[in-house]
Protein backbone atom coordinates (compact mmCIF):
# COMPACT_ATOMS: atom_id res chain seq x y z
CA MET A 1 130.40 -94.78 91.29
CA ARG A 2 130.59 -97.97 89.18
CA GLU A 3 127.83 -100.45 89.97
CA PHE A 4 127.83 -104.26 89.47
CA VAL A 5 124.60 -106.22 89.71
CA VAL A 6 124.61 -109.82 90.68
CA ASP A 7 121.15 -111.24 89.86
CA LEU A 8 120.27 -114.00 92.35
CA THR A 9 116.58 -114.15 91.26
CA ASN A 10 116.66 -117.79 90.04
CA VAL A 11 119.60 -119.05 92.01
CA ALA A 12 118.74 -122.43 93.55
CA THR A 13 122.19 -123.94 94.22
CA TYR A 14 125.72 -122.87 95.25
CA ALA A 15 126.83 -123.47 91.67
CA ASP A 16 124.14 -121.06 90.46
CA PHE A 17 125.36 -118.44 93.02
CA VAL A 18 128.95 -118.80 91.67
CA ALA A 19 127.71 -118.50 88.06
CA ALA A 20 125.60 -115.34 88.92
CA PHE A 21 128.62 -113.78 90.65
CA ASN A 22 130.77 -114.49 87.58
CA VAL A 23 128.18 -112.94 85.21
CA GLY A 24 127.44 -109.95 87.36
CA PHE A 25 130.88 -109.13 88.63
CA CYS A 26 133.96 -111.27 87.80
CA GLU A 27 133.56 -111.19 83.97
CA SER A 28 133.53 -107.35 84.12
CA CYS A 29 136.94 -107.65 85.80
CA LYS A 30 138.27 -110.12 83.28
CA GLY A 31 138.10 -113.01 85.78
CA HIS A 32 136.33 -116.16 86.66
CA TRP A 33 135.66 -117.50 90.12
CA HIS A 34 135.55 -121.22 90.30
CA GLY A 35 133.72 -121.17 93.66
CA GLN A 36 136.25 -123.48 95.44
CA SER A 37 137.49 -120.86 97.85
CA TRP A 38 136.01 -117.99 99.80
CA ASP A 39 139.53 -116.42 99.78
CA ALA A 40 139.22 -116.12 95.96
CA PHE A 41 135.87 -114.46 96.39
CA HIS A 42 137.43 -111.96 98.73
CA ASP A 43 140.35 -111.41 96.33
CA TYR A 44 138.01 -110.59 93.41
CA LEU A 45 136.61 -107.66 95.39
CA SER A 46 139.90 -105.89 94.88
CA TRP A 47 140.05 -106.42 91.09
CA PRO A 48 138.06 -103.48 89.73
CA GLU A 49 140.26 -100.44 88.89
CA GLU A 50 137.91 -98.08 90.83
CA GLU A 51 138.85 -97.28 94.48
CA ARG A 52 135.14 -97.63 95.50
CA PHE A 53 132.29 -99.48 93.74
CA ARG A 54 128.76 -100.65 94.45
CA LEU A 55 127.85 -104.32 94.42
CA VAL A 56 124.15 -105.01 94.18
CA PHE A 57 122.82 -108.49 95.02
CA LYS A 58 119.43 -108.47 93.33
CA GLY A 59 117.14 -111.17 94.90
CA TRP A 60 119.27 -111.76 97.93
CA GLU A 61 116.27 -112.39 100.22
CA GLY A 62 114.71 -115.05 97.95
CA CYS A 63 117.94 -116.72 97.06
CA CYS A 64 117.89 -120.26 98.22
CA GLY A 65 121.24 -121.17 96.65
CA LEU A 66 123.27 -120.41 99.74
CA GLN A 67 123.15 -122.20 103.06
CA ALA A 68 123.14 -120.07 106.23
CA GLU A 69 126.87 -120.54 106.75
CA ASP A 70 127.59 -119.45 103.20
CA ARG A 71 125.41 -116.37 103.67
CA ARG A 72 127.35 -115.50 106.83
CA MET A 73 130.60 -115.88 105.00
CA VAL A 74 129.58 -113.73 102.07
CA CYS A 75 128.47 -110.96 104.50
CA LYS A 76 131.60 -111.20 106.55
CA ILE A 77 133.83 -110.94 103.47
CA LEU A 78 131.81 -107.98 102.22
CA ALA A 79 132.13 -106.30 105.59
CA ASP A 80 135.91 -106.75 105.44
CA ASN A 81 135.96 -104.65 102.24
CA PRO A 82 134.96 -101.16 103.08
CA HIS A 83 135.70 -100.00 99.52
CA VAL A 84 132.66 -101.98 98.40
CA GLU A 85 129.25 -100.46 98.95
CA VAL A 86 126.90 -103.35 99.21
CA VAL A 87 123.17 -103.33 98.43
CA PHE A 88 120.93 -106.34 99.15
CA ALA A 89 117.98 -105.78 96.93
């Protein structure tokens, strides 16, 4: 199973989260998320050619770049994509 690692270790702002997601995931899919829409975040999860893949959020617990509502939105979107195996590391 292909694995993508989004390193949130030094993420302190929402913009940092967007940048980390781009580096760890979107760029591998030849894309770039601007962070202006959660719908676009959702759409990117269908871009890899693999039917299933693993998405690892390294440093999720210590990440202070997402407010509580943003964390809930990320988790809801990930839950709505059963083809994505999610690891919060």
